[in-house]
PDB file of N, CA and C in Angstrom:
ATOM      1  N   MET A   1       8.324  -4.809  15.463  1.00  0.00           N
ATOM      2  CA  MET A   1       9.256  -5.911  15.509  1.00  0.00           C
ATOM      3  C   MET A   1       9.183  -6.565  16.882  1.00  0.00           C
ATOM      4  N   LEU A   2       9.207  -7.893  16.932  1.00  0.00           N
ATOM      5  CA  LEU A   2       9.050  -8.618  18.182  1.00  0.00           C
ATOM      6  C   LEU A   2      10.174  -8.366  19.171  1.00  0.00           C
ATOM      7  N   THR A   3      11.360  -8.033  18.722  1.00  0.00           N
ATOM      8  CA  THR A   3      12.475  -7.842  19.637  1.00  0.00           C
ATOM      9  C   THR A   3      12.274  -6.644  20.554  1.00  0.00           C
ATOM     10  N   SER A   4      11.379  -5.734  20.210  1.00  0.00           N
ATOM     11  CA  SER A   4      11.138  -4.583  21.067  1.00  0.00           C
ATOM     12  C   SER A   4      10.184  -4.911  22.214  1.00  0.00           C
ATOM     13  N   PHE A   5       9.559  -6.066  22.190  1.00  0.00           N
ATOM     14  CA  PHE A   5       8.637  -6.478  23.234  1.00  0.00           C
ATOM     15  C   PHE A   5       9.387  -7.241  24.313  1.00  0.00           C
ATOM     16  N   PRO A   6       8.859  -7.215  25.537  1.00  0.00           N
ATOM     17  CA  PRO A   6       9.434  -8.083  26.573  1.00  0.00           C
ATOM     18  C   PRO A   6       9.321  -9.544  26.134  1.00  0.00           C
ATOM     19  N   THR A   7      10.185 -10.380  26.658  1.00  0.00           N
ATOM     20  CA  THR A   7      10.225 -11.790  26.268  1.00  0.00           C
ATOM     21  C   THR A   7       8.864 -12.457  26.405  1.00  0.00           C
ATOM     22  N   HIS A   8       8.172 -12.211  27.515  1.00  0.00           N
ATOM     23  CA  HIS A   8       6.859 -12.835  27.722  1.00  0.00           C
ATOM     24  C   HIS A   8       5.885 -12.435  26.618  1.00  0.00           C
ATOM     25  N   ALA A   9       5.861 -11.163  26.279  1.00  0.00           N
ATOM     26  CA  ALA A   9       4.963 -10.691  25.221  1.00  0.00           C
ATOM     27  C   ALA A   9       5.309 -11.346  23.889  1.00  0.00           C
ATOM     28  N   ALA A  10       6.579 -11.471  23.587  1.00  0.00           N
ATOM     29  CA  ALA A  10       7.001 -12.077  22.323  1.00  0.00           C
ATOM     30  C   ALA A  10       6.572 -13.539  22.242  1.00  0.00           C
ATOM     31  N   THR A  11       6.637 -14.268  23.349  1.00  0.00           N
ATOM     32  CA  THR A  11       6.225 -15.673  23.317  1.00  0.00           C
ATOM     33  C   THR A  11       4.718 -15.808  23.169  1.00  0.00           C
ATOM     34  N   VAL A  12       3.968 -14.928  23.817  1.00  0.00           N
ATOM     35  CA  VAL A  12       2.502 -14.958  23.678  1.00  0.00           C
ATOM     36  C   VAL A  12       2.110 -14.622  22.239  1.00  0.00           C
ATOM     37  N   ILE A  13       2.750 -13.609  21.664  1.00  0.00           N
ATOM     38  CA  ILE A  13       2.469 -13.232  20.278  1.00  0.00           C
ATOM     39  C   ILE A  13       2.780 -14.385  19.335  1.00  0.00           C
ATOM     40  N   ALA A  14       3.900 -15.059  19.528  1.00  0.00           N
ATOM     41  CA  ALA A  14       4.279 -16.193  18.670  1.00  0.00           C
ATOM     42  C   ALA A  14       3.238 -17.307  18.741  1.00  0.00           C
ATOM     43  N   LYS A  15       2.713 -17.547  19.913  1.00  0.00           N
ATOM     44  CA  LYS A  15       1.693 -18.593  20.074  1.00  0.00           C
ATOM     45  C   LYS A  15       0.409 -18.223  19.326  1.00  0.00           C
ATOM     46  N   PHE A  16      -0.042 -16.976  19.502  1.00  0.00           N
ATOM     47  CA  PHE A  16      -1.250 -16.553  18.798  1.00  0.00           C
ATOM     48  C   PHE A  16      -1.045 -16.560  17.286  1.00  0.00           C
ATOM     49  N   LYS A  17       0.129 -16.139  16.818  1.00  0.00           N
ATOM     50  CA  LYS A  17       0.415 -16.163  15.378  1.00  0.00           C
ATOM     51  C   LYS A  17       0.376 -17.590  14.847  1.00  0.00           C
ATOM     52  N   ALA A  18       0.930 -18.515  15.606  1.00  0.00           N
ATOM     53  CA  ALA A  18       0.931 -19.920  15.167  1.00  0.00           C
ATOM     54  C   ALA A  18      -0.491 -20.456  15.078  1.00  0.00           C
ATOM     55  N   LEU A  19      -1.343 -20.062  15.995  1.00  0.00           N
ATOM     56  CA  LEU A  19      -2.729 -20.543  15.998  1.00  0.00           C
ATOM     57  C   LEU A  19      -3.605 -19.861  14.957  1.00  0.00           C
ATOM     58  N   ALA A  20      -3.144 -18.749  14.405  1.00  0.00           N
ATOM     59  CA  ALA A  20      -3.956 -17.966  13.469  1.00  0.00           C
ATOM     60  C   ALA A  20      -4.121 -18.642  12.114  1.00  0.00           C
ATOM     61  N   ASP A  21      -3.282 -19.608  11.791  1.00  0.00           N
ATOM     62  CA  ASP A  21      -3.372 -20.291  10.500  1.00  0.00           C
ATOM     63  C   ASP A  21      -4.386 -21.433  10.582  1.00  0.00           C
ATOM     64  N   PRO A  22      -5.297 -21.544   9.620  1.00  0.00           N
ATOM     65  CA  PRO A  22      -6.324 -22.598   9.668  1.00  0.00           C
ATOM     66  C   PRO A  22      -5.756 -24.022   9.710  1.00  0.00           C
ATOM     67  N   PHE A  23      -4.674 -24.302   8.982  1.00  0.00           N
ATOM     68  CA  PHE A  23      -4.094 -25.651   9.016  1.00  0.00           C
ATOM     69  C   PHE A  23      -3.527 -25.958  10.396  1.00  0.00           C
ATOM     70  N   ARG A  24      -2.818 -24.993  10.981  1.00  0.00           N
ATOM     71  CA  ARG A  24      -2.233 -25.219  12.303  1.00  0.00           C
ATOM     72  C   ARG A  24      -3.319 -25.337  13.364  1.00  0.00           C
ATOM     73  N   PHE A  25      -4.380 -24.554  13.212  1.00  0.00           N
ATOM     74  CA  PHE A  25      -5.497 -24.658  14.136  1.00  0.00           C
ATOM     75  C   PHE A  25      -6.112 -26.065  14.055  1.00  0.00           C
ATOM     76  N   GLU A  26      -6.219 -26.580  12.839  1.00  0.00           N
ATOM     77  CA  GLU A  26      -6.766 -27.933  12.665  1.00  0.00           C
ATOM     78  C   GLU A  26      -5.857 -28.983  13.296  1.00  0.00           C
ATOM     79  N   VAL A  27      -4.549 -28.806  13.172  1.00  0.00           N
ATOM     80  CA  VAL A  27      -3.605 -29.728  13.810  1.00  0.00           C
ATOM     81  C   VAL A  27      -3.834 -29.738  15.318  1.00  0.00           C
ATOM     82  N   VAL A  28      -3.972 -28.557  15.900  1.00  0.00           N
ATOM     83  CA  VAL A  28      -4.212 -28.456  17.337  1.00  0.00           C
ATOM     84  C   VAL A  28      -5.521 -29.145  17.712  1.00  0.00           C
ATOM     85  N   GLU A  29      -6.549 -28.941  16.915  1.00  0.00           N
ATOM     86  CA  GLU A  29      -7.834 -29.602  17.179  1.00  0.00           C
ATOM     87  C   GLU A  29      -7.681 -31.131  17.155  1.00  0.00           C
ATOM     88  N   LEU A  30      -6.941 -31.650  16.196  1.00  0.00           N
ATOM     89  CA  LEU A  30      -6.737 -33.097  16.114  1.00  0.00           C
ATOM     90  C   LEU A  30      -5.914 -33.618  17.284  1.00  0.00           C
ATOM     91  N   LEU A  31      -4.870 -32.877  17.647  1.00  0.00           N
ATOM     92  CA  LEU A  31      -4.019 -33.313  18.753  1.00  0.00           C
ATOM     93  C   LEU A  31      -4.708 -33.171  20.098  1.00  0.00           C
ATOM     94  N   GLN A  32      -5.761 -32.389  20.141  1.00  0.00           N
ATOM     95  CA  GLN A  32      -6.538 -32.284  21.378  1.00  0.00           C
ATOM     96  C   GLN A  32      -7.191 -33.633  21.687  1.00  0.00           C
ATOM     97  N   GLN A  33      -7.490 -34.392  20.649  1.00  0.00           N
ATOM     98  CA  GLN A  33      -8.136 -35.686  20.816  1.00  0.00           C
ATOM     99  C   GLN A  33      -7.152 -36.768  21.251  1.00  0.00           C
ATOM    100  N   GLN A  34      -5.930 -36.738  20.660  1.00  0.00           N
ATOM    101  CA  GLN A  34      -4.931 -37.768  20.984  1.00  0.00           C
ATOM    102  C   GLN A  34      -3.598 -37.413  20.345  1.00  0.00           C
ATOM    103  N   GLU A  35      -2.548 -38.044  20.833  1.00  0.00           N
ATOM    104  CA  GLU A  35      -1.226 -37.942  20.231  1.00  0.00           C
ATOM    105  C   GLU A  35      -1.284 -38.604  18.853  1.00  0.00           C
ATOM    106  N   MET A  36      -0.581 -38.014  17.875  1.00  0.00           N
ATOM    107  CA  MET A  36      -0.632 -38.567  16.519  1.00  0.00           C
ATOM    108  C   MET A  36       0.730 -38.464  15.844  1.00  0.00           C
ATOM    109  N   CYS A  37       0.967 -39.382  14.899  1.00  0.00           N
ATOM    110  CA  CYS A  37       2.179 -39.303  14.083  1.00  0.00           C
ATOM    111  C   CYS A  37       1.859 -38.518  12.805  1.00  0.00           C
ATOM    112  N   VAL A  38       2.917 -38.127  12.107  1.00  0.00           N
ATOM    113  CA  VAL A  38       2.749 -37.319  10.894  1.00  0.00           C
ATOM    114  C   VAL A  38       1.866 -38.029   9.877  1.00  0.00           C
ATOM    115  N   CYS A  39       2.071 -39.312   9.692  1.00  0.00           N
ATOM    116  CA  CYS A  39       1.288 -40.024   8.673  1.00  0.00           C
ATOM    117  C   CYS A  39      -0.209 -39.979   8.985  1.00  0.00           C
ATOM    118  N   ASP A  40      -0.568 -40.115  10.268  1.00  0.00           N
ATOM    119  CA  ASP A  40      -1.982 -40.041  10.652  1.00  0.00           C
ATOM    120  C   ASP A  40      -2.538 -38.629  10.463  1.00  0.00           C
ATOM    121  N   LEU A  41      -1.736 -37.626  10.807  1.00  0.00           N
ATOM    122  CA  LEU A  41      -2.170 -36.244  10.609  1.00  0.00           C
ATOM    123  C   LEU A  41      -2.376 -35.940   9.131  1.00  0.00           C
ATOM    124  N   CYS A  42      -1.452 -36.406   8.285  1.00  0.00           N
ATOM    125  CA  CYS A  42      -1.587 -36.200   6.831  1.00  0.00           C
ATOM    126  C   CYS A  42      -2.872 -36.823   6.314  1.00  0.00           C
ATOM    127  N   ASP A  43      -3.135 -38.049   6.742  1.00  0.00           N
ATOM    128  CA  ASP A  43      -4.349 -38.744   6.304  1.00  0.00           C
ATOM    129  C   ASP A  43      -5.608 -38.010   6.747  1.00  0.00           C
ATOM    130  N   ARG A  44      -5.639 -37.598   8.006  1.00  0.00           N
ATOM    131  CA  ARG A  44      -6.832 -36.934   8.544  1.00  0.00           C
ATOM    132  C   ARG A  44      -7.065 -35.571   7.907  1.00  0.00           C
ATOM    133  N   MET A  45      -5.964 -34.853   7.592  1.00  0.00           N
ATOM    134  CA  MET A  45      -6.090 -33.502   7.065  1.00  0.00           C
ATOM    135  C   MET A  45      -6.111 -33.461   5.544  1.00  0.00           C
ATOM    136  N   GLY A  46      -5.681 -34.531   4.904  1.00  0.00           N
ATOM    137  CA  GLY A  46      -5.654 -34.571   3.447  1.00  0.00           C
ATOM    138  C   GLY A  46      -4.633 -33.617   2.840  1.00  0.00           C
ATOM    139  N   ILE A  47      -3.467 -33.465   3.486  1.00  0.00           N
ATOM    140  CA  ILE A  47      -2.420 -32.600   2.939  1.00  0.00           C
ATOM    141  C   ILE A  47      -1.110 -33.367   2.836  1.00  0.00           C
ATOM    142  N   ALA A  48      -0.215 -32.860   2.010  1.00  0.00           N
ATOM    143  CA  ALA A  48       1.084 -33.503   1.796  1.00  0.00           C
ATOM    144  C   ALA A  48       1.944 -33.376   3.050  1.00  0.00           C
ATOM    145  N   GLN A  49       2.836 -34.360   3.241  1.00  0.00           N
ATOM    146  CA  GLN A  49       3.698 -34.360   4.410  1.00  0.00           C
ATOM    147  C   GLN A  49       4.609 -33.132   4.440  1.00  0.00           C
ATOM    148  N   SER A  50       5.088 -32.684   3.284  1.00  0.00           N
ATOM    149  CA  SER A  50       5.971 -31.508   3.264  1.00  0.00           C
ATOM    150  C   SER A  50       5.251 -30.263   3.780  1.00  0.00           C
ATOM    151  N   LYS A  51       3.994 -30.099   3.389  1.00  0.00           N
ATOM    152  CA  LYS A  51       3.213 -28.952   3.861  1.00  0.00           C
ATOM    153  C   LYS A  51       2.934 -29.076   5.354  1.00  0.00           C
ATOM    154  N   LEU A  52       2.579 -30.261   5.798  1.00  0.00           N
ATOM    155  CA  LEU A  52       2.298 -30.484   7.217  1.00  0.00           C
ATOM    156  C   LEU A  52       3.553 -30.270   8.054  1.00  0.00           C
ATOM    157  N   SER A  53       4.694 -30.720   7.569  1.00  0.00           N
ATOM    158  CA  SER A  53       5.945 -30.570   8.321  1.00  0.00           C
ATOM    159  C   SER A  53       6.249 -29.103   8.599  1.00  0.00           C
ATOM    160  N   PHE A  54       5.986 -28.240   7.628  1.00  0.00           N
ATOM    161  CA  PHE A  54       6.187 -26.803   7.829  1.00  0.00           C
ATOM    162  C   PHE A  54       5.314 -26.298   8.975  1.00  0.00           C
ATOM    163  N   HIS A  55       4.056 -26.698   9.000  1.00  0.00           N
ATOM    164  CA  HIS A  55       3.131 -26.249  10.041  1.00  0.00           C
ATOM    165  C   HIS A  55       3.500 -26.834  11.407  1.00  0.00           C
ATOM    166  N   LEU A  56       3.934 -28.083  11.430  1.00  0.00           N
ATOM    167  CA  LEU A  56       4.364 -28.698  12.685  1.00  0.00           C
ATOM    168  C   LEU A  56       5.589 -27.971  13.241  1.00  0.00           C
ATOM    169  N   LYS A  57       6.496 -27.606  12.357  1.00  0.00           N
ATOM    170  CA  LYS A  57       7.697 -26.875  12.777  1.00  0.00           C
ATOM    171  C   LYS A  57       7.310 -25.543  13.414  1.00  0.00           C
ATOM    172  N   THR A  58       6.350 -24.851  12.829  1.00  0.00           N
ATOM    173  CA  THR A  58       5.888 -23.572  13.367  1.00  0.00           C
ATOM    174  C   THR A  58       5.238 -23.756  14.736  1.00  0.00           C
ATOM    175  N   LEU A  59       4.402 -24.775  14.874  1.00  0.00           N
ATOM    176  CA  LEU A  59       3.753 -25.043  16.158  1.00  0.00           C
ATOM    177  C   LEU A  59       4.772 -25.431  17.229  1.00  0.00           C
ATOM    178  N   ARG A  60       5.783 -26.202  16.846  1.00  0.00           N
ATOM    179  CA  ARG A  60       6.842 -26.574  17.801  1.00  0.00           C
ATOM    180  C   ARG A  60       7.656 -25.362  18.205  1.00  0.00           C
ATOM    181  N   ALA A  61       7.986 -24.496  17.246  1.00  0.00           N
ATOM    182  CA  ALA A  61       8.771 -23.303  17.548  1.00  0.00           C
ATOM    183  C   ALA A  61       8.022 -22.381  18.514  1.00  0.00           C
ATOM    184  N   ALA A  62       6.708 -22.353  18.407  1.00  0.00           N
ATOM    185  CA  ALA A  62       5.882 -21.540  19.303  1.00  0.00           C
ATOM    186  C   ALA A  62       5.674 -22.229  20.653  1.00  0.00           C
ATOM    187  N   GLY A  63       6.096 -23.472  20.762  1.00  0.00           N
ATOM    188  CA  GLY A  63       5.965 -24.214  22.010  1.00  0.00           C
ATOM    189  C   GLY A  63       4.598 -24.812  22.249  1.00  0.00           C
ATOM    190  N   LEU A  64       3.750 -24.819  21.213  1.00  0.00           N
ATOM    191  CA  LEU A  64       2.382 -25.316  21.377  1.00  0.00           C
ATOM    192  C   LEU A  64       2.273 -26.835  21.323  1.00  0.00           C
ATOM    193  N   ILE A  65       3.215 -27.477  20.633  1.00  0.00           N
ATOM    194  CA  ILE A  65       3.199 -28.934  20.562  1.00  0.00           C
ATOM    195  C   ILE A  65       4.588 -29.471  20.911  1.00  0.00           C
ATOM    196  N   THR A  66       4.608 -30.741  21.268  1.00  0.00           N
ATOM    197  CA  THR A  66       5.870 -31.430  21.543  1.00  0.00           C
ATOM    198  C   THR A  66       5.946 -32.646  20.626  1.00  0.00           C
ATOM    199  N   ALA A  67       7.147 -33.149  20.470  1.00  0.00           N
ATOM    200  CA  ALA A  67       7.360 -34.325  19.629  1.00  0.00           C
ATOM    201  C   ALA A  67       8.201 -35.333  20.395  1.00  0.00           C
ATOM    202  N   ARG A  68       7.891 -36.593  20.182  1.00  0.00           N
ATOM    203  CA  ARG A  68       8.719 -37.655  20.747  1.00  0.00           C
ATOM    204  C   ARG A  68       8.936 -38.687  19.657  1.00  0.00           C
ATOM    205  N   GLN A  69      10.130 -39.208  19.605  1.00  0.00           N
ATOM    206  CA  GLN A  69      10.456 -40.190  18.579  1.00  0.00           C
ATOM    207  C   GLN A  69      10.417 -41.586  19.177  1.00  0.00           C
ATOM    208  N   GLU A  70       9.794 -42.475  18.434  1.00  0.00           N
ATOM    209  CA  GLU A  70       9.737 -43.885  18.815  1.00  0.00           C
ATOM    210  C   GLU A  70      10.101 -44.684  17.570  1.00  0.00           C
ATOM    211  N   GLY A  71      11.329 -45.205  17.555  1.00  0.00           N
ATOM    212  CA  GLY A  71      11.813 -45.859  16.341  1.00  0.00           C
ATOM    213  C   GLY A  71      11.970 -44.821  15.248  1.00  0.00           C
ATOM    214  N   ARG A  72      11.402 -45.105  14.094  1.00  0.00           N
ATOM    215  CA  ARG A  72      11.495 -44.134  13.005  1.00  0.00           C
ATOM    216  C   ARG A  72      10.305 -43.180  12.938  1.00  0.00           C
ATOM    217  N   TRP A  73       9.364 -43.316  13.859  1.00  0.00           N
ATOM    218  CA  TRP A  73       8.172 -42.477  13.858  1.00  0.00           C
ATOM    219  C   TRP A  73       8.285 -41.359  14.886  1.00  0.00           C
ATOM    220  N   VAL A  74       7.749 -40.204  14.531  1.00  0.00           N
ATOM    221  CA  VAL A  74       7.683 -39.066  15.442  1.00  0.00           C
ATOM    222  C   VAL A  74       6.217 -38.833  15.781  1.00  0.00           C
ATOM    223  N   TYR A  75       5.940 -38.764  17.064  1.00  0.00           N
ATOM    224  CA  TYR A  75       4.579 -38.567  17.544  1.00  0.00           C
ATOM    225  C   TYR A  75       4.455 -37.177  18.141  1.00  0.00           C
ATOM    226  N   TYR A  76       3.370 -36.495  17.812  1.00  0.00           N
ATOM    227  CA  TYR A  76       3.133 -35.123  18.252  1.00  0.00           C
ATOM    228  C   TYR A  76       1.975 -35.076  19.235  1.00  0.00           C
ATOM    229  N   SER A  77       2.111 -34.187  20.203  1.00  0.00           N
ATOM    230  CA  SER A  77       1.032 -33.966  21.171  1.00  0.00           C
ATOM    231  C   SER A  77       1.045 -32.506  21.596  1.00  0.00           C
ATOM    232  N   LEU A  78      -0.050 -32.085  22.209  1.00  0.00           N
ATOM    233  CA  LEU A  78      -0.152 -30.702  22.681  1.00  0.00           C
ATOM    234  C   LEU A  78       0.738 -30.500  23.898  1.00  0.00           C
ATOM    235  N   ASN A  79       1.204 -29.280  24.060  1.00  0.00           N
ATOM    236  CA  ASN A  79       1.953 -28.873  25.246  1.00  0.00           C
ATOM    237  C   ASN A  79       0.980 -28.092  26.130  1.00  0.00           C
ATOM    238  N   PRO A  80       0.377 -28.738  27.119  1.00  0.00           N
ATOM    239  CA  PRO A  80      -0.647 -28.069  27.934  1.00  0.00           C
ATOM    240  C   PRO A  80      -0.161 -26.784  28.592  1.00  0.00           C
ATOM    241  N   ALA A  81       1.094 -26.715  28.993  1.00  0.00           N
ATOM    242  CA  ALA A  81       1.621 -25.509  29.655  1.00  0.00           C
ATOM    243  C   ALA A  81       1.537 -24.293  28.737  1.00  0.00           C
ATOM    244  N   ALA A  82       1.736 -24.479  27.447  1.00  0.00           N
ATOM    245  CA  ALA A  82       1.662 -23.369  26.497  1.00  0.00           C
ATOM    246  C   ALA A  82       0.243 -22.823  26.408  1.00  0.00           C
ATOM    247  N   PHE A  83      -0.731 -23.700  26.438  1.00  0.00           N
ATOM    248  CA  PHE A  83      -2.121 -23.252  26.365  1.00  0.00           C
ATOM    249  C   PHE A  83      -2.562 -22.623  27.685  1.00  0.00           C
ATOM    250  N   THR A  84      -2.002 -23.081  28.787  1.00  0.00           N
ATOM    251  CA  THR A  84      -2.266 -22.447  30.082  1.00  0.00           C
ATOM    252  C   THR A  84      -1.724 -21.024  30.082  1.00  0.00           C
ATOM    253  N   GLU A  85      -0.551 -20.820  29.472  1.00  0.00           N
ATOM    254  CA  GLU A  85       0.019 -19.473  29.376  1.00  0.00           C
ATOM    255  C   GLU A  85      -0.908 -18.542  28.593  1.00  0.00           C
ATOM    256  N   LEU A  86      -1.461 -19.029  27.483  1.00  0.00           N
ATOM    257  CA  LEU A  86      -2.392 -18.215  26.702  1.00  0.00           C
ATOM    258  C   LEU A  86      -3.670 -17.945  27.486  1.00  0.00           C
ATOM    259  N   GLU A  87      -4.154 -18.948  28.163  1.00  0.00           N
ATOM    260  CA  GLU A  87      -5.366 -18.783  28.967  1.00  0.00           C
ATOM    261  C   GLU A  87      -5.137 -17.748  30.068  1.00  0.00           C
ATOM    262  N   ASP A  88      -4.000 -17.836  30.750  1.00  0.00           N
ATOM    263  CA  ASP A  88      -3.688 -16.872  31.810  1.00  0.00           C
ATOM    264  C   ASP A  88      -3.618 -15.455  31.259  1.00  0.00           C
ATOM    265  N   TYR A  89      -3.037 -15.305  30.087  1.00  0.00           N
ATOM    266  CA  TYR A  89      -2.945 -13.994  29.460  1.00  0.00           C
ATOM    267  C   TYR A  89      -4.341 -13.428  29.172  1.00  0.00           C
ATOM    268  N   LEU A  90      -5.219 -14.263  28.605  1.00  0.00           N
ATOM    269  CA  LEU A  90      -6.573 -13.803  28.274  1.00  0.00           C
ATOM    270  C   LEU A  90      -7.392 -13.507  29.527  1.00  0.00           C
ATOM    271  N   VAL A  91      -7.230 -14.307  30.567  1.00  0.00           N
ATOM    272  CA  VAL A  91      -7.942 -14.059  31.825  1.00  0.00           C
ATOM    273  C   VAL A  91      -7.495 -12.723  32.415  1.00  0.00           C
ATOM    274  N   ALA A  92      -6.191 -12.454  32.373  1.00  0.00           N
ATOM    275  CA  ALA A  92      -5.673 -11.187  32.903  1.00  0.00           C
ATOM    276  C   ALA A  92      -6.248 -10.002  32.123  1.00  0.00           C
ATOM    277  N   LEU A  93      -6.365 -10.142  30.804  1.00  0.00           N
ATOM    278  CA  LEU A  93      -6.966  -9.072  30.003  1.00  0.00           C
ATOM    279  C   LEU A  93      -8.416  -8.826  30.397  1.00  0.00           C
ATOM    280  N   ARG A  94      -9.144  -9.909  30.558  1.00  0.00           N
ATOM    281  CA  ARG A  94     -10.561  -9.790  30.910  1.00  0.00           C
ATOM    282  C   ARG A  94     -10.717  -9.137  32.282  1.00  0.00           C
ATOM    283  N   GLN A  95      -9.848  -9.463  33.215  1.00  0.00           N
ATOM    284  CA  GLN A  95      -9.947  -8.914  34.570  1.00  0.00           C
ATOM    285  C   GLN A  95      -9.562  -7.441  34.630  1.00  0.00           C
ATOM    286  N   GLN A  96      -8.741  -6.986  33.698  1.00  0.00           N
ATOM    287  CA  GLN A  96      -8.321  -5.587  33.699  1.00  0.00           C
ATOM    288  C   GLN A  96      -9.438  -4.652  33.259  1.00  0.00           C
ATOM    289  N   GLY A  97     -10.367  -5.147  32.513  1.00  0.00           N
ATOM    290  CA  GLY A  97     -11.466  -4.312  32.046  1.00  0.00           C
ATOM    291  C   GLY A  97     -11.055  -3.456  30.858  1.00  0.00           C
ATOM    292  N   PRO A  98     -11.901  -2.497  30.490  1.00  0.00           N
ATOM    293  CA  PRO A  98     -11.659  -1.728  29.268  1.00  0.00           C
ATOM    294  C   PRO A  98     -10.543  -0.697  29.383  1.00  0.00           C
ATOM    295  N   GLY A  99     -10.076  -0.364  30.571  1.00  0.00           N
ATOM    296  CA  GLY A  99      -9.023   0.644  30.707  1.00  0.00           C
ATOM    297  C   GLY A  99      -9.584   2.048  30.747  1.00  0.00           C
ATOM    298  N   ARG A 100      -8.675   2.993  30.740  1.00  0.00           N
ATOM    299  CA  ARG A 100      -9.077   4.403  30.808  1.00  0.00           C
ATOM    300  C   ARG A 100      -9.564   4.873  29.449  1.00  0.00           C
ATOM    301  N   SER A 101     -10.382   5.935  29.483  1.00  0.00           N
ATOM    302  CA  SER A 101     -10.847   6.552  28.242  1.00  0.00           C
ATOM    303  C   SER A 101      -9.691   7.290  27.585  1.00  0.00           C
ATOM    304  N   ALA A 102      -9.758   7.429  26.299  1.00  0.00           N
ATOM    305  CA  ALA A 102      -8.730   8.162  25.556  1.00  0.00           C
ATOM    306  C   ALA A 102      -8.795   9.637  25.902  1.00  0.00           C
ATOM    307  N   ARG A 103      -7.671  10.306  25.767  1.00  0.00           N
ATOM    308  CA  ARG A 103      -7.667  11.749  25.998  1.00  0.00           C
ATOM    309  C   ARG A 103      -8.362  12.413  24.813  1.00  0.00           C
ATOM    310  N   VAL A 104      -8.858  13.601  25.024  1.00  0.00           N
ATOM    311  CA  VAL A 104      -9.524  14.358  23.976  1.00  0.00           C
ATOM    312  C   VAL A 104      -8.451  14.940  23.063  1.00  0.00           C
ATOM    313  N   CYS A 105      -8.568  14.690  21.777  1.00  0.00           N
ATOM    314  CA  CYS A 105      -7.606  15.211  20.812  1.00  0.00           C
ATOM    315  C   CYS A 105      -8.027  16.625  20.401  1.00  0.00           C
ATOM    316  N   SER A 106      -7.032  17.466  20.235  1.00  0.00           N
ATOM    317  CA  SER A 106      -7.346  18.837  19.786  1.00  0.00           C
ATOM    318  C   SER A 106      -7.404  18.857  18.268  1.00  0.00           C
ATOM    319  N   PRO A 107      -8.218  19.717  17.694  1.00  0.00           N
ATOM    320  CA  PRO A 107      -8.357  19.777  16.235  1.00  0.00           C
ATOM    321  C   PRO A 107      -7.064  20.197  15.530  1.00  0.00           C
ATOM    322  N   THR A 108      -6.144  20.838  16.250  1.00  0.00           N
ATOM    323  CA  THR A 108      -4.905  21.292  15.609  1.00  0.00           C
ATOM    324  C   THR A 108      -3.816  20.238  15.698  1.00  0.00           C
ATOM    325  N   GLY A 109      -4.060  19.131  16.357  1.00  0.00           N
ATOM    326  CA  GLY A 109      -3.091  18.058  16.483  1.00  0.00           C
ATOM    327  C   GLY A 109      -2.125  18.240  17.632  1.00  0.00           C
ATOM    328  N   ASP A 110      -2.349  19.251  18.491  1.00  0.00           N
ATOM    329  CA  ASP A 110      -1.474  19.500  19.655  1.00  0.00           C
ATOM    330  C   ASP A 110      -1.764  18.558  20.774  1.00  0.00           C
TER     331      ASP A 110
END
């Protein structure tokens, strides 16, 4: 359960979970190119607005994208700070190396 993790770990996990879905990953790829409104995203992805709205909500909850309203349109863009957080996490993992070897397990389970 996520509540047992420190806050930082829970936010990193939420970001990776949000990116794990192919539709959400595609949204991120499209928003990497430019800010877009829902109608443009629907057209480019070929999915219904209701389905896209669910994925946008998940990406926003994870902090990966931001939204701004202009008139009746909502425009979405990437949140660069969120991706920097993921990058920093992965760099720290790479710098730590493989870690210590596992202890030798006894055949009796002791």
